[in-house]
Amino acid sequence: MSAGGNIYDLGYRGYDGPRLGRGAVTLGLLRATLKSAYGIGRGGRAKIAPFGLLVLEILPAVIAVGITAIATQAGAGEVLEEASPIQHASYQGLTGTILTLFLAAQAPELFGRDQRYGVLPLYFSRLLTRSDYAGARVGGLVLAVFLLSLLPHLILVFGTVLSAPDPIAGLGEAAPDIPRFLAVTLQASLLLSCVAAIVAAWTPRRAYATAGIIAAFLIPSVIAIVVVELAVSDVTRFIVLFSPADLVDGFNAAIFGTLPDGPAVTEADLPDWVYVIASVVWIGVLFGVIVRRYQKLAA
């Protein structure tokens, strides 16, 4: 008996639309990375960590705005707002641990999953280059951290406008701090995301990457405190520039013109411009290392 066969019309059609090219593919991967950082498009369990940390990030700002609003009705709003420890200049140091936990939880998922499941060849077999891939992944993570850090500042601005007798006057009062917290938020997002991305890109296993990211933020800070307090020479003061957390603290103090939160930065007593230049240099170097990693990585 001869074998038989059937032919089915599945309705396959060719694509006659525009070819969008590398830019559209890179932008699509960046959007996918940003969504994945918050668990959007994934299961409910994937949303617990990012959105839980988002709530913790904005909670101090919400509490500060609520207390100020109540105090304003009692006639003591301006005095309480000036005395509040929750302000634009102090918010980065107040919630730095939350950013560390967010990066430790999400960066391994964004950079390690493609290596674990062996899907990198699928990306690199198309128009997307290795540099495009690294840029899109890092850019998506930076945007995720930037949004996480920016939202509390916007809430504080809203609280200032809300508590002012005249909203326009309140906005004018908050205006000088807007470029400052934008600069601090952008610097912290770029620097910390690049550090976490390097660890996650070199450590595909999630548990090891998470531990490595936490260690990359904590261990240099401890070393910087010990070395600066020993004060062997003036050169040792520059050890704080090799600690991501202290570099963010020094940059924040430089931009807002306030005292730093960390003891290492206080003891180092470096000029403000050093933290600005060091931040730019480190961000460029770290991103270059990430791109180099994917250029050398076997697909």
C-alpha atoms as a PDB file:
ATOM      1  CA  MET A   1       0.000   0.000   0.000  1.00  0.00           C
ATOM      2  CA  SER A   2       1.527   3.326  -1.075  1.00  0.00           C
ATOM      3  CA  ALA A   3       1.953   6.132   1.412  1.00  0.00           C
ATOM      4  CA  GLY A   4      -0.455   9.041   1.052  1.00  0.00           C
ATOM      5  CA  GLY A   5      -0.170  12.683   1.868  1.00  0.00           C
ATOM      6  CA  ASN A   6      -2.269  15.783   2.328  1.00  0.00           C
ATOM      7  CA  ILE A   7      -1.732  19.383   1.298  1.00  0.00           C
ATOM      8  CA  TYR A   8      -3.079  22.109   3.592  1.00  0.00           C
ATOM      9  CA  ASP A   9      -3.513  25.770   2.783  1.00  0.00           C
ATOM     10  CA  LEU A  10      -2.245  27.459   5.944  1.00  0.00           C
ATOM     11  CA  GLY A  11      -2.460  30.936   4.506  1.00  0.00           C
ATOM     12  CA  TYR A  12       1.262  31.797   4.628  1.00  0.00           C
ATOM     13  CA  ARG A  13       2.021  35.123   3.009  1.00  0.00           C
ATOM     14  CA  GLY A  14       5.172  37.032   2.295  1.00  0.00           C
ATOM     15  CA  TYR A  15       6.068  40.290   4.026  1.00  0.00           C
ATOM     16  CA  ASP A  16       5.879  43.340   1.760  1.00  0.00           C
ATOM     17  CA  GLY A  17       6.180  46.038   4.450  1.00  0.00           C
ATOM     18  CA  PRO A  18       9.140  48.311   5.223  1.00  0.00           C
ATOM     19  CA  ARG A  19      12.424  46.891   6.527  1.00  0.00           C
ATOM     20  CA  LEU A  20      13.070  48.902   9.655  1.00  0.00           C
ATOM     21  CA  GLY A  21      16.717  47.929  10.135  1.00  0.00           C
ATOM     22  CA  ARG A  22      19.093  47.814  13.106  1.00  0.00           C
ATOM     23  CA  GLY A  23      17.731  50.888  14.860  1.00  0.00           C
ATOM     24  CA  ALA A  24      14.223  49.502  15.159  1.00  0.00           C
ATOM     25  CA  VAL A  25      15.515  46.108  16.315  1.00  0.00           C
ATOM     26  CA  THR A  26      17.753  47.727  18.953  1.00  0.00           C
ATOM     27  CA  LEU A  27      14.932  49.958  20.152  1.00  0.00           C
ATOM     28  CA  GLY A  28      12.612  46.972  20.356  1.00  0.00           C
ATOM     29  CA  LEU A  29      15.121  45.079  22.503  1.00  0.00           C
ATOM     30  CA  LEU A  30      15.539  48.150  24.731  1.00  0.00           C
ATOM     31  CA  ARG A  31      11.761  48.335  25.268  1.00  0.00           C
ATOM     32  CA  ALA A  32      11.613  44.604  25.973  1.00  0.00           C
ATOM     33  CA  THR A  33      14.444  44.964  28.502  1.00  0.00           C
ATOM     34  CA  LEU A  34      12.675  47.811  30.285  1.00  0.00           C
ATOM     35  CA  LYS A  35       9.435  45.821  30.494  1.00  0.00           C
ATOM     36  CA  SER A  36      11.251  42.698  31.649  1.00  0.00           C
ATOM     37  CA  ALA A  37      13.000  44.676  34.415  1.00  0.00           C
ATOM     38  CA  TYR A  38       9.573  45.251  35.963  1.00  0.00           C
ATOM     39  CA  GLY A  39       8.227  41.793  35.125  1.00  0.00           C
ATOM     40  CA  ILE A  40       5.810  43.122  32.498  1.00  0.00           C
ATOM     41  CA  GLY A  41       4.899  40.383  30.064  1.00  0.00           C
ATOM     42  CA  ARG A  42       6.002  37.695  32.507  1.00  0.00           C
ATOM     43  CA  GLY A  43       4.273  35.823  35.315  1.00  0.00           C
ATOM     44  CA  GLY A  44       2.990  37.347  38.528  1.00  0.00           C
ATOM     45  CA  ARG A  45       5.965  36.157  40.568  1.00  0.00           C
ATOM     46  CA  ALA A  46       8.320  38.138  38.326  1.00  0.00           C
ATOM     47  CA  LYS A  47       6.532  41.367  39.311  1.00  0.00           C
ATOM     48  CA  ILE A  48       6.803  40.904  43.081  1.00  0.00           C
ATOM     49  CA  ALA A  49      10.414  42.045  43.521  1.00  0.00           C
ATOM     50  CA  PRO A  50      10.468  45.080  41.180  1.00  0.00           C
ATOM     51  CA  PHE A  51       7.096  46.496  42.177  1.00  0.00           C
ATOM     52  CA  GLY A  52       7.663  45.696  45.862  1.00  0.00           C
ATOM     53  CA  LEU A  53      10.943  47.627  45.749  1.00  0.00           C
ATOM     54  CA  LEU A  54       9.218  50.426  43.823  1.00  0.00           C
ATOM     55  CA  VAL A  55       6.719  50.793  46.673  1.00  0.00           C
ATOM     56  CA  LEU A  56       9.551  50.893  49.216  1.00  0.00           C
ATOM     57  CA  GLU A  57      11.387  53.471  47.090  1.00  0.00           C
ATOM     58  CA  ILE A  58       8.491  55.928  46.963  1.00  0.00           C
ATOM     59  CA  LEU A  59       7.182  55.277  50.484  1.00  0.00           C
ATOM     60  CA  PRO A  60       9.400  57.856  52.276  1.00  0.00           C
ATOM     61  CA  ALA A  61       8.410  60.513  49.724  1.00  0.00           C
ATOM     62  CA  VAL A  62       4.709  59.727  50.124  1.00  0.00           C
ATOM     63  CA  ILE A  63       5.013  59.880  53.919  1.00  0.00           C
ATOM     64  CA  ALA A  64       6.917  63.192  53.756  1.00  0.00           C
ATOM     65  CA  VAL A  65       4.329  64.742  51.437  1.00  0.00           C
ATOM     66  CA  GLY A  66       1.472  63.524  53.642  1.00  0.00           C
ATOM     67  CA  ILE A  67       2.991  64.910  56.826  1.00  0.00           C
ATOM     68  CA  THR A  68       3.780  68.231  55.133  1.00  0.00           C
ATOM     69  CA  ALA A  69       0.206  68.510  53.854  1.00  0.00           C
ATOM     70  CA  ILE A  70      -1.183  67.934  57.340  1.00  0.00           C
ATOM     71  CA  ALA A  71       1.299  70.394  58.858  1.00  0.00           C
ATOM     72  CA  THR A  72       0.401  73.002  56.228  1.00  0.00           C
ATOM     73  CA  GLN A  73      -3.220  72.887  57.327  1.00  0.00           C
ATOM     74  CA  ALA A  74      -2.007  73.486  60.888  1.00  0.00           C
ATOM     75  CA  GLY A  75       0.149  76.424  59.751  1.00  0.00           C
ATOM     76  CA  ALA A  76       3.557  74.796  60.285  1.00  0.00           C
ATOM     77  CA  GLY A  77       4.149  73.298  56.842  1.00  0.00           C
ATOM     78  CA  GLU A  78       7.123  75.452  55.804  1.00  0.00           C
ATOM     79  CA  VAL A  79       9.024  74.881  59.060  1.00  0.00           C
ATOM     80  CA  LEU A  80       8.424  71.130  58.944  1.00  0.00           C
ATOM     81  CA  GLU A  81       9.428  70.864  55.289  1.00  0.00           C
ATOM     82  CA  GLU A  82      12.768  72.569  55.938  1.00  0.00           C
ATOM     83  CA  ALA A  83      13.476  70.326  58.941  1.00  0.00           C
ATOM     84  CA  SER A  84      12.423  67.092  57.222  1.00  0.00           C
ATOM     85  CA  PRO A  85      15.218  64.540  56.638  1.00  0.00           C
ATOM     86  CA  ILE A  86      13.420  63.406  53.478  1.00  0.00           C
ATOM     87  CA  GLN A  87      14.534  65.890  50.822  1.00  0.00           C
ATOM     88  CA  HIS A  88      15.941  65.812  47.308  1.00  0.00           C
ATOM     89  CA  ALA A  89      19.539  66.081  48.531  1.00  0.00           C
ATOM     90  CA  SER A  90      19.215  63.211  51.016  1.00  0.00           C
ATOM     91  CA  TYR A  91      16.964  60.833  49.084  1.00  0.00           C
ATOM     92  CA  GLN A  92      19.740  59.077  47.164  1.00  0.00           C
ATOM     93  CA  GLY A  93      21.517  58.087  50.362  1.00  0.00           C
ATOM     94  CA  LEU A  94      18.246  57.192  52.055  1.00  0.00           C
ATOM     95  CA  THR A  95      17.185  54.654  49.425  1.00  0.00           C
ATOM     96  CA  GLY A  96      20.535  53.465  48.065  1.00  0.00           C
ATOM     97  CA  THR A  97      19.997  49.981  49.496  1.00  0.00           C
ATOM     98  CA  ILE A  98      16.745  49.643  47.560  1.00  0.00           C
ATOM     99  CA  LEU A  99      18.534  50.389  44.288  1.00  0.00           C
ATOM    100  CA  THR A 100      21.146  47.770  45.148  1.00  0.00           C
ATOM    101  CA  LEU A 101      18.463  45.148  45.780  1.00  0.00           C
ATOM    102  CA  PHE A 102      16.649  46.071  42.564  1.00  0.00           C
ATOM    103  CA  LEU A 103      19.812  45.662  40.516  1.00  0.00           C
ATOM    104  CA  ALA A 104      20.761  42.448  42.302  1.00  0.00           C
ATOM    105  CA  ALA A 105      17.322  41.005  41.553  1.00  0.00           C
ATOM    106  CA  GLN A 106      16.808  42.177  37.969  1.00  0.00           C
ATOM    107  CA  ALA A 107      20.229  42.469  36.294  1.00  0.00           C
ATOM    108  CA  PRO A 108      20.912  38.685  36.418  1.00  0.00           C
ATOM    109  CA  GLU A 109      17.560  38.093  34.755  1.00  0.00           C
ATOM    110  CA  LEU A 110      18.265  40.563  31.959  1.00  0.00           C
ATOM    111  CA  PHE A 111      21.880  39.618  31.207  1.00  0.00           C
ATOM    112  CA  GLY A 112      22.172  36.009  32.318  1.00  0.00           C
ATOM    113  CA  ARG A 113      18.994  34.435  30.974  1.00  0.00           C
ATOM    114  CA  ASP A 114      19.981  34.691  27.304  1.00  0.00           C
ATOM    115  CA  GLN A 115      23.297  33.000  28.082  1.00  0.00           C
ATOM    116  CA  ARG A 116      21.724  30.290  30.218  1.00  0.00           C
ATOM    117  CA  TYR A 117      19.175  29.352  27.566  1.00  0.00           C
ATOM    118  CA  GLY A 118      21.567  29.734  24.642  1.00  0.00           C
ATOM    119  CA  VAL A 119      19.494  32.241  22.673  1.00  0.00           C
ATOM    120  CA  LEU A 120      22.290  34.736  21.955  1.00  0.00           C
ATOM    121  CA  PRO A 121      22.951  33.177  18.522  1.00  0.00           C
ATOM    122  CA  LEU A 122      19.361  34.020  17.572  1.00  0.00           C
ATOM    123  CA  TYR A 123      20.016  37.696  18.318  1.00  0.00           C
ATOM    124  CA  PHE A 124      23.397  37.831  16.603  1.00  0.00           C
ATOM    125  CA  SER A 125      22.229  35.991  13.486  1.00  0.00           C
ATOM    126  CA  ARG A 126      20.065  38.994  12.561  1.00  0.00           C
ATOM    127  CA  LEU A 127      20.783  42.674  11.959  1.00  0.00           C
ATOM    128  CA  LEU A 128      21.467  43.201  15.663  1.00  0.00           C
ATOM    129  CA  THR A 129      25.201  43.458  16.376  1.00  0.00           C
ATOM    130  CA  ARG A 130      26.857  42.557  19.642  1.00  0.00           C
ATOM    131  CA  SER A 131      27.354  46.244  20.457  1.00  0.00           C
ATOM    132  CA  ASP A 132      23.674  46.889  19.731  1.00  0.00           C
ATOM    133  CA  TYR A 133      22.690  44.061  22.045  1.00  0.00           C
ATOM    134  CA  ALA A 134      24.896  45.340  24.885  1.00  0.00           C
ATOM    135  CA  GLY A 135      23.659  48.903  24.424  1.00  0.00           C
ATOM    136  CA  ALA A 136      20.005  47.873  24.388  1.00  0.00           C
ATOM    137  CA  ARG A 137      20.325  45.700  27.473  1.00  0.00           C
ATOM    138  CA  VAL A 138      22.271  48.294  29.450  1.00  0.00           C
ATOM    139  CA  GLY A 139      19.986  51.086  28.237  1.00  0.00           C
ATOM    140  CA  GLY A 140      16.876  49.216  29.325  1.00  0.00           C
ATOM    141  CA  LEU A 141      18.335  48.563  32.767  1.00  0.00           C
ATOM    142  CA  VAL A 142      19.431  52.200  33.114  1.00  0.00           C
ATOM    143  CA  LEU A 143      15.930  53.401  32.208  1.00  0.00           C
ATOM    144  CA  ALA A 144      14.388  51.012  34.730  1.00  0.00           C
ATOM    145  CA  VAL A 145      16.637  52.288  37.542  1.00  0.00           C
ATOM    146  CA  PHE A 146      16.194  55.892  36.412  1.00  0.00           C
ATOM    147  CA  LEU A 147      12.390  55.624  36.612  1.00  0.00           C
ATOM    148  CA  LEU A 148      12.643  53.913  39.986  1.00  0.00           C
ATOM    149  CA  SER A 149      14.841  56.720  41.331  1.00  0.00           C
ATOM    150  CA  LEU A 150      13.037  59.610  39.655  1.00  0.00           C
ATOM    151  CA  LEU A 151       9.501  58.882  40.832  1.00  0.00           C
ATOM    152  CA  PRO A 152      10.121  59.804  44.516  1.00  0.00           C
ATOM    153  CA  HIS A 153      11.609  63.147  43.489  1.00  0.00           C
ATOM    154  CA  LEU A 154       8.553  63.899  41.356  1.00  0.00           C
ATOM    155  CA  ILE A 155       6.353  63.090  44.348  1.00  0.00           C
ATOM    156  CA  LEU A 156       8.362  65.524  46.494  1.00  0.00           C
ATOM    157  CA  VAL A 157       7.983  68.211  43.805  1.00  0.00           C
ATOM    158  CA  PHE A 158       4.241  67.552  43.711  1.00  0.00           C
ATOM    159  CA  GLY A 159       4.139  67.860  47.502  1.00  0.00           C
ATOM    160  CA  THR A 160       5.946  71.213  47.391  1.00  0.00           C
ATOM    161  CA  VAL A 161       3.518  72.547  44.797  1.00  0.00           C
ATOM    162  CA  LEU A 162       0.533  71.148  46.678  1.00  0.00           C
ATOM    163  CA  SER A 163       1.528  72.638  50.034  1.00  0.00           C
ATOM    164  CA  ALA A 164       2.253  76.120  48.642  1.00  0.00           C
ATOM    165  CA  PRO A 165      -0.477  78.791  48.844  1.00  0.00           C
ATOM    166  CA  ASP A 166       0.077  79.487  45.153  1.00  0.00           C
ATOM    167  CA  PRO A 167       0.894  76.459  42.900  1.00  0.00           C
ATOM    168  CA  ILE A 168       2.973  78.628  40.557  1.00  0.00           C
ATOM    169  CA  ALA A 169       5.009  79.914  43.481  1.00  0.00           C
ATOM    170  CA  GLY A 170       5.399  76.343  44.738  1.00  0.00           C
ATOM    171  CA  LEU A 171       6.670  75.201  41.359  1.00  0.00           C
ATOM    172  CA  GLY A 172       9.120  78.108  41.344  1.00  0.00           C
ATOM    173  CA  GLU A 173      10.342  77.045  44.775  1.00  0.00           C
ATOM    174  CA  ALA A 174      10.926  73.478  43.589  1.00  0.00           C
ATOM    175  CA  ALA A 175      12.435  74.448  40.218  1.00  0.00           C
ATOM    176  CA  PRO A 176      16.086  74.883  41.367  1.00  0.00           C
ATOM    177  CA  ASP A 177      16.189  71.293  42.630  1.00  0.00           C
ATOM    178  CA  ILE A 178      14.831  69.749  39.413  1.00  0.00           C
ATOM    179  CA  PRO A 179      18.064  69.828  37.329  1.00  0.00           C
ATOM    180  CA  ARG A 180      20.009  68.729  40.393  1.00  0.00           C
ATOM    181  CA  PHE A 181      18.017  65.595  41.157  1.00  0.00           C
ATOM    182  CA  LEU A 182      17.845  64.798  37.440  1.00  0.00           C
ATOM    183  CA  ALA A 183      21.649  64.882  37.262  1.00  0.00           C
ATOM    184  CA  VAL A 184      22.077  62.804  40.429  1.00  0.00           C
ATOM    185  CA  THR A 185      19.466  60.277  39.342  1.00  0.00           C
ATOM    186  CA  LEU A 186      21.011  59.907  35.898  1.00  0.00           C
ATOM    187  CA  GLN A 187      24.533  59.495  37.274  1.00  0.00           C
ATOM    188  CA  ALA A 188      23.479  56.875  39.819  1.00  0.00           C
ATOM    189  CA  SER A 189      21.394  54.992  37.238  1.00  0.00           C
ATOM    190  CA  LEU A 190      24.232  54.854  34.702  1.00  0.00           C
ATOM    191  CA  LEU A 191      27.016  54.010  37.138  1.00  0.00           C
ATOM    192  CA  LEU A 192      25.209  51.423  39.263  1.00  0.00           C
ATOM    193  CA  SER A 193      23.546  49.768  36.266  1.00  0.00           C
ATOM    194  CA  CYS A 194      26.880  49.368  34.481  1.00  0.00           C
ATOM    195  CA  VAL A 195      28.456  47.779  37.566  1.00  0.00           C
ATOM    196  CA  ALA A 196      25.555  45.343  37.921  1.00  0.00           C
ATOM    197  CA  ALA A 197      25.543  44.608  34.178  1.00  0.00           C
ATOM    198  CA  ILE A 198      29.234  43.664  34.195  1.00  0.00           C
ATOM    199  CA  VAL A 199      28.759  41.185  37.030  1.00  0.00           C
ATOM    200  CA  ALA A 200      25.616  39.691  35.481  1.00  0.00           C
ATOM    201  CA  ALA A 201      27.155  39.449  31.995  1.00  0.00           C
ATOM    202  CA  TRP A 202      30.142  37.511  33.330  1.00  0.00           C
ATOM    203  CA  THR A 203      28.100  35.353  35.716  1.00  0.00           C
ATOM    204  CA  PRO A 204      25.155  33.727  33.900  1.00  0.00           C
ATOM    205  CA  ARG A 205      24.025  31.756  36.959  1.00  0.00           C
ATOM    206  CA  ARG A 206      21.422  33.848  38.727  1.00  0.00           C
ATOM    207  CA  ALA A 207      22.335  33.088  42.350  1.00  0.00           C
ATOM    208  CA  TYR A 208      26.029  33.816  41.823  1.00  0.00           C
ATOM    209  CA  ALA A 209      25.275  36.997  39.900  1.00  0.00           C
ATOM    210  CA  THR A 210      22.956  38.284  42.619  1.00  0.00           C
ATOM    211  CA  ALA A 211      25.569  37.668  45.316  1.00  0.00           C
ATOM    212  CA  GLY A 212      28.281  39.189  43.119  1.00  0.00           C
ATOM    213  CA  ILE A 213      26.323  42.394  42.514  1.00  0.00           C
ATOM    214  CA  ILE A 214      25.678  42.907  46.223  1.00  0.00           C
ATOM    215  CA  ALA A 215      29.361  42.259  46.927  1.00  0.00           C
ATOM    216  CA  ALA A 216      30.423  44.708  44.185  1.00  0.00           C
ATOM    217  CA  PHE A 217      28.540  47.476  46.005  1.00  0.00           C
ATOM    218  CA  LEU A 218      29.311  46.572  49.621  1.00  0.00           C
ATOM    219  CA  ILE A 219      32.925  45.360  49.656  1.00  0.00           C
ATOM    220  CA  PRO A 220      34.508  48.449  47.978  1.00  0.00           C
ATOM    221  CA  SER A 221      32.636  50.678  50.447  1.00  0.00           C
ATOM    222  CA  VAL A 222      34.055  48.774  53.420  1.00  0.00           C
ATOM    223  CA  ILE A 223      37.561  48.851  51.961  1.00  0.00           C
ATOM    224  CA  ALA A 224      37.276  52.586  51.263  1.00  0.00           C
ATOM    225  CA  ILE A 225      36.251  53.329  54.858  1.00  0.00           C
ATOM    226  CA  VAL A 226      39.156  51.333  56.301  1.00  0.00           C
ATOM    227  CA  VAL A 227      41.775  52.773  53.943  1.00  0.00           C
ATOM    228  CA  VAL A 228      40.637  56.385  54.309  1.00  0.00           C
ATOM    229  CA  GLU A 229      40.488  56.202  58.092  1.00  0.00           C
ATOM    230  CA  LEU A 230      44.011  54.770  58.236  1.00  0.00           C
ATOM    231  CA  ALA A 231      45.151  57.835  56.232  1.00  0.00           C
ATOM    232  CA  VAL A 232      48.502  56.399  55.193  1.00  0.00           C
ATOM    233  CA  SER A 233      48.972  59.150  52.579  1.00  0.00           C
ATOM    234  CA  ASP A 234      47.003  61.704  50.629  1.00  0.00           C
ATOM    235  CA  VAL A 235      46.893  59.388  47.633  1.00  0.00           C
ATOM    236  CA  THR A 236      44.837  56.839  49.578  1.00  0.00           C
ATOM    237  CA  ARG A 237      41.972  59.319  49.716  1.00  0.00           C
ATOM    238  CA  PHE A 238      41.253  58.564  46.066  1.00  0.00           C
ATOM    239  CA  ILE A 239      40.211  55.027  47.002  1.00  0.00           C
ATOM    240  CA  VAL A 240      36.654  56.345  47.360  1.00  0.00           C
ATOM    241  CA  LEU A 241      36.561  56.805  43.582  1.00  0.00           C
ATOM    242  CA  PHE A 242      36.731  53.001  43.221  1.00  0.00           C
ATOM    243  CA  SER A 243      33.649  52.475  45.370  1.00  0.00           C
ATOM    244  CA  PRO A 244      30.384  52.845  43.390  1.00  0.00           C
ATOM    245  CA  ALA A 245      28.315  53.752  46.432  1.00  0.00           C
ATOM    246  CA  ASP A 246      30.820  56.376  47.615  1.00  0.00           C
ATOM    247  CA  LEU A 247      31.144  57.793  44.112  1.00  0.00           C
ATOM    248  CA  VAL A 248      27.378  58.277  43.988  1.00  0.00           C
ATOM    249  CA  ASP A 249      27.465  59.846  47.462  1.00  0.00           C
ATOM    250  CA  GLY A 250      30.249  62.243  46.507  1.00  0.00           C
ATOM    251  CA  PHE A 251      28.528  63.216  43.259  1.00  0.00           C
ATOM    252  CA  ASN A 252      25.263  63.841  45.117  1.00  0.00           C
ATOM    253  CA  ALA A 253      27.021  66.078  47.652  1.00  0.00           C
ATOM    254  CA  ALA A 254      28.808  67.928  44.854  1.00  0.00           C
ATOM    255  CA  ILE A 255      25.622  68.638  42.899  1.00  0.00           C
ATOM    256  CA  PHE A 256      23.467  69.679  45.860  1.00  0.00           C
ATOM    257  CA  GLY A 257      26.263  71.407  47.770  1.00  0.00           C
ATOM    258  CA  THR A 258      25.590  69.406  50.929  1.00  0.00           C
ATOM    259  CA  LEU A 259      27.647  67.230  53.237  1.00  0.00           C
ATOM    260  CA  PRO A 260      28.101  63.610  52.080  1.00  0.00           C
ATOM    261  CA  ASP A 261      26.285  60.808  53.878  1.00  0.00           C
ATOM    262  CA  GLY A 262      29.132  58.281  53.956  1.00  0.00           C
ATOM    263  CA  PRO A 263      32.108  58.534  56.328  1.00  0.00           C
ATOM    264  CA  ALA A 264      34.585  57.561  53.596  1.00  0.00           C
ATOM    265  CA  VAL A 265      33.633  60.516  51.380  1.00  0.00           C
ATOM    266  CA  THR A 266      33.668  62.847  54.384  1.00  0.00           C
ATOM    267  CA  GLU A 267      37.136  61.729  55.471  1.00  0.00           C
ATOM    268  CA  ALA A 268      38.513  61.792  51.914  1.00  0.00           C
ATOM    269  CA  ASP A 269      37.546  65.466  51.523  1.00  0.00           C
ATOM    270  CA  LEU A 270      38.130  65.518  47.756  1.00  0.00           C
ATOM    271  CA  PRO A 271      37.099  68.484  45.573  1.00  0.00           C
ATOM    272  CA  ASP A 272      33.605  68.283  44.112  1.00  0.00           C
ATOM    273  CA  TRP A 273      34.809  68.269  40.505  1.00  0.00           C
ATOM    274  CA  VAL A 274      36.756  65.058  41.113  1.00  0.00           C
ATOM    275  CA  TYR A 275      33.527  63.105  41.623  1.00  0.00           C
ATOM    276  CA  VAL A 276      31.991  64.572  38.492  1.00  0.00           C
ATOM    277  CA  ILE A 277      34.970  63.701  36.281  1.00  0.00           C
ATOM    278  CA  ALA A 278      35.425  60.278  37.893  1.00  0.00           C
ATOM    279  CA  SER A 279      31.748  59.464  37.277  1.00  0.00           C
ATOM    280  CA  VAL A 280      32.001  60.270  33.569  1.00  0.00           C
ATOM    281  CA  VAL A 281      35.213  58.258  33.194  1.00  0.00           C
ATOM    282  CA  TRP A 282      33.921  55.220  35.083  1.00  0.00           C
ATOM    283  CA  ILE A 283      30.640  55.105  33.172  1.00  0.00           C
ATOM    284  CA  GLY A 284      32.509  55.172  29.860  1.00  0.00           C
ATOM    285  CA  VAL A 285      35.008  52.516  30.974  1.00  0.00           C
ATOM    286  CA  LEU A 286      32.376  50.193  32.422  1.00  0.00           C
ATOM    287  CA  PHE A 287      30.176  50.386  29.337  1.00  0.00           C
ATOM    288  CA  GLY A 288      33.205  49.696  27.153  1.00  0.00           C
ATOM    289  CA  VAL A 289      33.950  46.583  29.212  1.00  0.00           C
ATOM    290  CA  ILE A 290      30.377  45.352  28.769  1.00  0.00           C
ATOM    291  CA  VAL A 291      30.527  45.812  24.992  1.00  0.00           C
ATOM    292  CA  ARG A 292      33.891  44.041  24.926  1.00  0.00           C
ATOM    293  CA  ARG A 293      32.388  41.145  26.848  1.00  0.00           C
ATOM    294  CA  TYR A 294      29.747  40.494  24.224  1.00  0.00           C
ATOM    295  CA  GLN A 295      32.184  40.970  21.362  1.00  0.00           C
ATOM    296  CA  LYS A 296      34.352  38.207  22.794  1.00  0.00           C
ATOM    297  CA  LEU A 297      31.484  35.980  23.908  1.00  0.00           C
ATOM    298  CA  ALA A 298      31.057  32.884  21.737  1.00  0.00           C
ATOM    299  CA  ALA A 299      27.581  32.847  20.207  1.00  0.00           C
END
